[in-house]
């Protein structure tokens, strides 16, 4: 999983069509079943190790 720094993102949307696996959404377009990834992404920039453990649990 790659992460987008919410402090550096300028909400231009350029990354959305550039993503080869359609995994990036503008916040307002984020499907309800993916909302937990918004929290995970933001948390990564606070505690990288804890976030990677959460992601690992989601993928096992």
PDB file of N, CA and C in Angstrom:
ATOM      1  N   UNK A   1       0.848  -1.176   0.000  1.00  0.00           N
ATOM      2  CA  UNK A   1       0.000   0.000   0.000  1.00  0.00           C
ATOM      3  C   UNK A   1       0.891   1.235   0.000  1.00  0.00           C
ATOM      4  N   UNK A   2       0.544   2.182  -0.846  1.00  0.00           N
ATOM      5  CA  UNK A   2       1.240   3.461  -0.876  1.00  0.00           C
ATOM      6  C   UNK A   2       0.380   4.484  -0.153  1.00  0.00           C
ATOM      7  N   UNK A   3       0.999   5.536   0.338  1.00  0.00           N
ATOM      8  CA  UNK A   3       0.296   6.527   1.141  1.00  0.00           C
ATOM      9  C   UNK A   3       0.460   7.914   0.545  1.00  0.00           C
ATOM     10  N   UNK A   4      -0.561   8.733   0.687  1.00  0.00           N
ATOM     11  CA  UNK A   4      -0.540  10.116   0.213  1.00  0.00           C
ATOM     12  C   UNK A   4      -0.579  11.008   1.441  1.00  0.00           C
ATOM     13  N   UNK A   5       0.426  11.855   1.585  1.00  0.00           N
ATOM     14  CA  UNK A   5       0.501  12.739   2.744  1.00  0.00           C
ATOM     15  C   UNK A   5      -0.605  13.792   2.658  1.00  0.00           C
ATOM     16  N   UNK A   6      -1.568  13.758   3.581  1.00  0.00           N
ATOM     17  CA  UNK A   6      -2.671  14.721   3.529  1.00  0.00           C
ATOM     18  C   UNK A   6      -2.226  16.165   3.756  1.00  0.00           C
ATOM     19  N   UNK A   7      -1.065  16.349   4.350  1.00  0.00           N
ATOM     20  CA  UNK A   7      -0.547  17.702   4.568  1.00  0.00           C
ATOM     21  C   UNK A   7       0.063  18.283   3.286  1.00  0.00           C
ATOM     22  N   UNK A   8       0.552  17.418   2.417  1.00  0.00           N
ATOM     23  CA  UNK A   8       1.184  17.874   1.188  1.00  0.00           C
ATOM     24  C   UNK A   8       0.246  17.846  -0.018  1.00  0.00           C
ATOM     25  N   UNK A   9      -0.803  17.040   0.060  1.00  0.00           N
ATOM     26  CA  UNK A   9      -1.752  16.915  -1.047  1.00  0.00           C
ATOM     27  C   UNK A   9      -2.498  18.230  -1.243  1.00  0.00           C
ATOM     28  N   UNK A  10      -2.576  18.675  -2.494  1.00  0.00           N
ATOM     29  CA  UNK A  10      -3.286  19.930  -2.786  1.00  0.00           C
ATOM     30  C   UNK A  10      -4.658  19.663  -3.398  1.00  0.00           C
ATOM     31  N   UNK A  11      -5.104  18.405  -3.342  1.00  0.00           N
ATOM     32  CA  UNK A  11      -6.430  18.008  -3.825  1.00  0.00           C
ATOM     33  C   UNK A  11      -6.655  18.361  -5.293  1.00  0.00           C
ATOM     34  N   UNK A  12      -5.622  18.209  -6.105  1.00  0.00           N
ATOM     35  CA  UNK A  12      -5.766  18.518  -7.537  1.00  0.00           C
ATOM     36  C   UNK A  12      -6.387  17.358  -8.310  1.00  0.00           C
ATOM     37  N   UNK A  13      -6.290  16.145  -7.763  1.00  0.00           N
ATOM     38  CA  UNK A  13      -6.867  14.979  -8.405  1.00  0.00           C
ATOM     39  C   UNK A  13      -6.003  14.363  -9.488  1.00  0.00           C
ATOM     40  N   UNK A  14      -4.824  14.873  -9.725  1.00  0.00           N
ATOM     41  CA  UNK A  14      -3.964  14.353 -10.798  1.00  0.00           C
ATOM     42  C   UNK A  14      -3.549  12.902 -10.564  1.00  0.00           C
ATOM     43  N   UNK A  15      -3.496  12.482  -9.338  1.00  0.00           N
ATOM     44  CA  UNK A  15      -3.083  11.111  -9.037  1.00  0.00           C
ATOM     45  C   UNK A  15      -4.185  10.094  -9.327  1.00  0.00           C
ATOM     46  N   UNK A  16      -5.435  10.524  -9.350  1.00  0.00           N
ATOM     47  CA  UNK A  16      -6.555   9.600  -9.546  1.00  0.00           C
ATOM     48  C   UNK A  16      -6.441   8.861 -10.879  1.00  0.00           C
ATOM     49  N   UNK A  17      -6.377   9.543 -12.013  1.00  0.00           N
ATOM     50  CA  UNK A  17      -6.267   8.799 -13.275  1.00  0.00           C
ATOM     51  C   UNK A  17      -4.889   8.166 -13.483  1.00  0.00           C
ATOM     52  N   UNK A  18      -3.880   8.634 -12.748  1.00  0.00           N
ATOM     53  CA  UNK A  18      -2.528   8.091 -12.900  1.00  0.00           C
ATOM     54  C   UNK A  18      -2.355   6.749 -12.197  1.00  0.00           C
ATOM     55  N   UNK A  19      -3.232   6.422 -11.267  1.00  0.00           N
ATOM     56  CA  UNK A  19      -3.104   5.171 -10.514  1.00  0.00           C
ATOM     57  C   UNK A  19      -3.439   3.987 -11.415  1.00  0.00           C
ATOM     58  N   UNK A  20      -2.503   3.049 -11.589  1.00  0.00           N
ATOM     59  CA  UNK A  20      -2.727   1.934 -12.507  1.00  0.00           C
ATOM     60  C   UNK A  20      -3.739   0.901 -12.008  1.00  0.00           C
ATOM     61  N   UNK A  21      -4.102   0.953 -10.730  1.00  0.00           N
ATOM     62  CA  UNK A  21      -5.048  -0.031 -10.188  1.00  0.00           C
ATOM     63  C   UNK A  21      -6.329   0.618  -9.662  1.00  0.00           C
ATOM     64  N   UNK A  22      -6.556   1.874 -10.034  1.00  0.00           N
ATOM     65  CA  UNK A  22      -7.773   2.593  -9.631  1.00  0.00           C
ATOM     66  C   UNK A  22      -8.006   2.561  -8.122  1.00  0.00           C
ATOM     67  N   UNK A  23      -6.937   2.778  -7.362  1.00  0.00           N
ATOM     68  CA  UNK A  23      -7.016   2.704  -5.911  1.00  0.00           C
ATOM     69  C   UNK A  23      -7.065   4.075  -5.243  1.00  0.00           C
ATOM     70  N   UNK A  24      -7.056   5.149  -6.015  1.00  0.00           N
ATOM     71  CA  UNK A  24      -7.054   6.495  -5.453  1.00  0.00           C
ATOM     72  C   UNK A  24      -8.378   7.158  -5.781  1.00  0.00           C
ATOM     73  N   UNK A  25      -8.962   7.773  -4.766  1.00  0.00           N
ATOM     74  CA  UNK A  25     -10.229   8.478  -4.925  1.00  0.00           C
ATOM     75  C   UNK A  25     -10.119   9.859  -4.302  1.00  0.00           C
ATOM     76  N   UNK A  26     -10.845  10.805  -4.857  1.00  0.00           N
ATOM     77  CA  UNK A  26     -11.025  12.086  -4.186  1.00  0.00           C
ATOM     78  C   UNK A  26     -11.881  11.781  -2.962  1.00  0.00           C
ATOM     79  N   UNK A  27     -11.605  12.427  -1.820  1.00  0.00           N
ATOM     80  CA  UNK A  27     -12.300  12.113  -0.568  1.00  0.00           C
ATOM     81  C   UNK A  27     -13.809  11.990  -0.739  1.00  0.00           C
ATOM     82  N   UNK A  28     -14.418  12.922  -1.443  1.00  0.00           N
ATOM     83  CA  UNK A  28     -15.881  12.930  -1.564  1.00  0.00           C
ATOM     84  C   UNK A  28     -16.400  11.777  -2.414  1.00  0.00           C
ATOM     85  N   UNK A  29     -15.538  11.135  -3.206  1.00  0.00           N
ATOM     86  CA  UNK A  29     -15.930  10.025  -4.063  1.00  0.00           C
ATOM     87  C   UNK A  29     -15.547   8.661  -3.490  1.00  0.00           C
ATOM     88  N   UNK A  30     -14.983   8.649  -2.296  1.00  0.00           N
ATOM     89  CA  UNK A  30     -14.517   7.402  -1.687  1.00  0.00           C
ATOM     90  C   UNK A  30     -15.707   6.496  -1.372  1.00  0.00           C
ATOM     91  N   UNK A  31     -15.715   5.269  -1.903  1.00  0.00           N
ATOM     92  CA  UNK A  31     -16.811   4.341  -1.607  1.00  0.00           C
ATOM     93  C   UNK A  31     -16.877   4.044  -0.101  1.00  0.00           C
ATOM     94  N   UNK A  32     -18.077   3.868   0.399  1.00  0.00           N
ATOM     95  CA  UNK A  32     -18.281   3.648   1.832  1.00  0.00           C
ATOM     96  C   UNK A  32     -17.495   2.490   2.398  1.00  0.00           C
ATOM     97  N   UNK A  33     -17.338   1.418   1.615  1.00  0.00           N
ATOM     98  CA  UNK A  33     -16.611   0.252   2.117  1.00  0.00           C
ATOM     99  C   UNK A  33     -15.098   0.457   2.149  1.00  0.00           C
ATOM    100  N   UNK A  34     -14.644   1.638   1.723  1.00  0.00           N
ATOM    101  CA  UNK A  34     -13.205   1.943   1.734  1.00  0.00           C
ATOM    102  C   UNK A  34     -12.862   3.097   2.669  1.00  0.00           C
ATOM    103  N   UNK A  35     -13.826   3.592   3.406  1.00  0.00           N
ATOM    104  CA  UNK A  35     -13.583   4.745   4.276  1.00  0.00           C
ATOM    105  C   UNK A  35     -12.505   4.489   5.315  1.00  0.00           C
ATOM    106  N   UNK A  36     -12.362   3.246   5.756  1.00  0.00           N
ATOM    107  CA  UNK A  36     -11.327   2.945   6.756  1.00  0.00           C
ATOM    108  C   UNK A  36      -9.923   3.213   6.205  1.00  0.00           C
ATOM    109  N   UNK A  37      -9.757   3.157   4.880  1.00  0.00           N
ATOM    110  CA  UNK A  37      -8.447   3.449   4.304  1.00  0.00           C
ATOM    111  C   UNK A  37      -8.078   4.930   4.417  1.00  0.00           C
ATOM    112  N   UNK A  38      -9.048   5.805   4.482  1.00  0.00           N
ATOM    113  CA  UNK A  38      -8.782   7.229   4.683  1.00  0.00           C
ATOM    114  C   UNK A  38      -8.114   7.441   6.039  1.00  0.00           C
ATOM    115  N   UNK A  39      -8.621   6.763   7.044  1.00  0.00           N
ATOM    116  CA  UNK A  39      -8.041   6.848   8.389  1.00  0.00           C
ATOM    117  C   UNK A  39      -6.661   6.209   8.409  1.00  0.00           C
ATOM    118  N   UNK A  40      -6.540   5.044   7.785  1.00  0.00           N
ATOM    119  CA  UNK A  40      -5.242   4.356   7.737  1.00  0.00           C
ATOM    120  C   UNK A  40      -4.203   5.226   7.053  1.00  0.00           C
ATOM    121  N   UNK A  41      -4.566   5.844   5.916  1.00  0.00           N
ATOM    122  CA  UNK A  41      -3.630   6.703   5.191  1.00  0.00           C
ATOM    123  C   UNK A  41      -3.166   7.868   6.066  1.00  0.00           C
ATOM    124  N   UNK A  42      -4.085   8.534   6.729  1.00  0.00           N
ATOM    125  CA  UNK A  42      -3.719   9.681   7.570  1.00  0.00           C
ATOM    126  C   UNK A  42      -2.862   9.245   8.750  1.00  0.00           C
ATOM    127  N   UNK A  43      -3.189   8.102   9.334  1.00  0.00           N
ATOM    128  CA  UNK A  43      -2.450   7.616  10.499  1.00  0.00           C
ATOM    129  C   UNK A  43      -1.010   7.269  10.156  1.00  0.00           C
ATOM    130  N   UNK A  44      -0.771   6.859   8.917  1.00  0.00           N
ATOM    131  CA  UNK A  44       0.578   6.483   8.488  1.00  0.00           C
ATOM    132  C   UNK A  44       1.585   7.599   8.776  1.00  0.00           C
ATOM    133  N   UNK A  45       1.180   8.832   8.598  1.00  0.00           N
ATOM    134  CA  UNK A  45       2.092   9.963   8.767  1.00  0.00           C
ATOM    135  C   UNK A  45       2.251  10.368  10.231  1.00  0.00           C
ATOM    136  N   UNK A  46       1.522   9.686  11.107  1.00  0.00           N
ATOM    137  CA  UNK A  46       1.662   9.898  12.547  1.00  0.00           C
ATOM    138  C   UNK A  46       2.495   8.776  13.155  1.00  0.00           C
ATOM    139  N   UNK A  47       2.202   7.520  12.742  1.00  0.00           N
ATOM    140  CA  UNK A  47       2.897   6.356  13.288  1.00  0.00           C
ATOM    141  C   UNK A  47       3.019   5.293  12.192  1.00  0.00           C
ATOM    142  N   UNK A  48       4.096   5.367  11.445  1.00  0.00           N
ATOM    143  CA  UNK A  48       4.302   4.487  10.292  1.00  0.00           C
ATOM    144  C   UNK A  48       4.297   3.012  10.677  1.00  0.00           C
ATOM    145  N   UNK A  49       5.001   2.653  11.738  1.00  0.00           N
ATOM    146  CA  UNK A  49       5.101   1.246  12.122  1.00  0.00           C
ATOM    147  C   UNK A  49       3.739   0.665  12.500  1.00  0.00           C
ATOM    148  N   UNK A  50       2.980   1.387  13.297  1.00  0.00           N
ATOM    149  CA  UNK A  50       1.650   0.910  13.705  1.00  0.00           C
ATOM    150  C   UNK A  50       0.741   0.765  12.487  1.00  0.00           C
ATOM    151  N   UNK A  51       0.829   1.690  11.574  1.00  0.00           N
ATOM    152  CA  UNK A  51      -0.008   1.638  10.385  1.00  0.00           C
ATOM    153  C   UNK A  51       0.359   0.451   9.515  1.00  0.00           C
ATOM    154  N   UNK A  52       1.634   0.185   9.355  1.00  0.00           N
ATOM    155  CA  UNK A  52       2.052  -0.971   8.556  1.00  0.00           C
ATOM    156  C   UNK A  52       1.553  -2.276   9.188  1.00  0.00           C
ATOM    157  N   UNK A  53       1.510  -2.346  10.523  1.00  0.00           N
ATOM    158  CA  UNK A  53       0.975  -3.541  11.180  1.00  0.00           C
ATOM    159  C   UNK A  53      -0.517  -3.701  10.864  1.00  0.00           C
ATOM    160  N   UNK A  54      -1.260  -2.603  10.881  1.00  0.00           N
ATOM    161  CA  UNK A  54      -2.693  -2.651  10.556  1.00  0.00           C
ATOM    162  C   UNK A  54      -2.889  -3.112   9.120  1.00  0.00           C
ATOM    163  N   UNK A  55      -2.112  -2.575   8.198  1.00  0.00           N
ATOM    164  CA  UNK A  55      -2.214  -2.962   6.793  1.00  0.00           C
ATOM    165  C   UNK A  55      -1.876  -4.436   6.624  1.00  0.00           C
ATOM    166  N   UNK A  56      -0.853  -4.906   7.325  1.00  0.00           N
ATOM    167  CA  UNK A  56      -0.462  -6.318   7.249  1.00  0.00           C
ATOM    168  C   UNK A  56      -1.603  -7.211   7.733  1.00  0.00           C
ATOM    169  N   UNK A  57      -2.274  -6.810   8.790  1.00  0.00           N
ATOM    170  CA  UNK A  57      -3.411  -7.590   9.294  1.00  0.00           C
ATOM    171  C   UNK A  57      -4.553  -7.624   8.275  1.00  0.00           C
ATOM    172  N   UNK A  58      -4.764  -6.548   7.547  1.00  0.00           N
ATOM    173  CA  UNK A  58      -5.833  -6.499   6.550  1.00  0.00           C
ATOM    174  C   UNK A  58      -5.558  -7.404   5.362  1.00  0.00           C
ATOM    175  N   UNK A  59      -4.293  -7.653   5.099  1.00  0.00           N
ATOM    176  CA  UNK A  59      -3.930  -8.428   3.910  1.00  0.00           C
ATOM    177  C   UNK A  59      -3.642  -9.889   4.205  1.00  0.00           C
ATOM    178  N   UNK A  60      -3.789 -10.297   5.447  1.00  0.00           N
ATOM    179  CA  UNK A  60      -3.545 -11.709   5.769  1.00  0.00           C
ATOM    180  C   UNK A  60      -4.827 -12.456   6.005  1.00  0.00           C
TER     181      UNK A  60
END
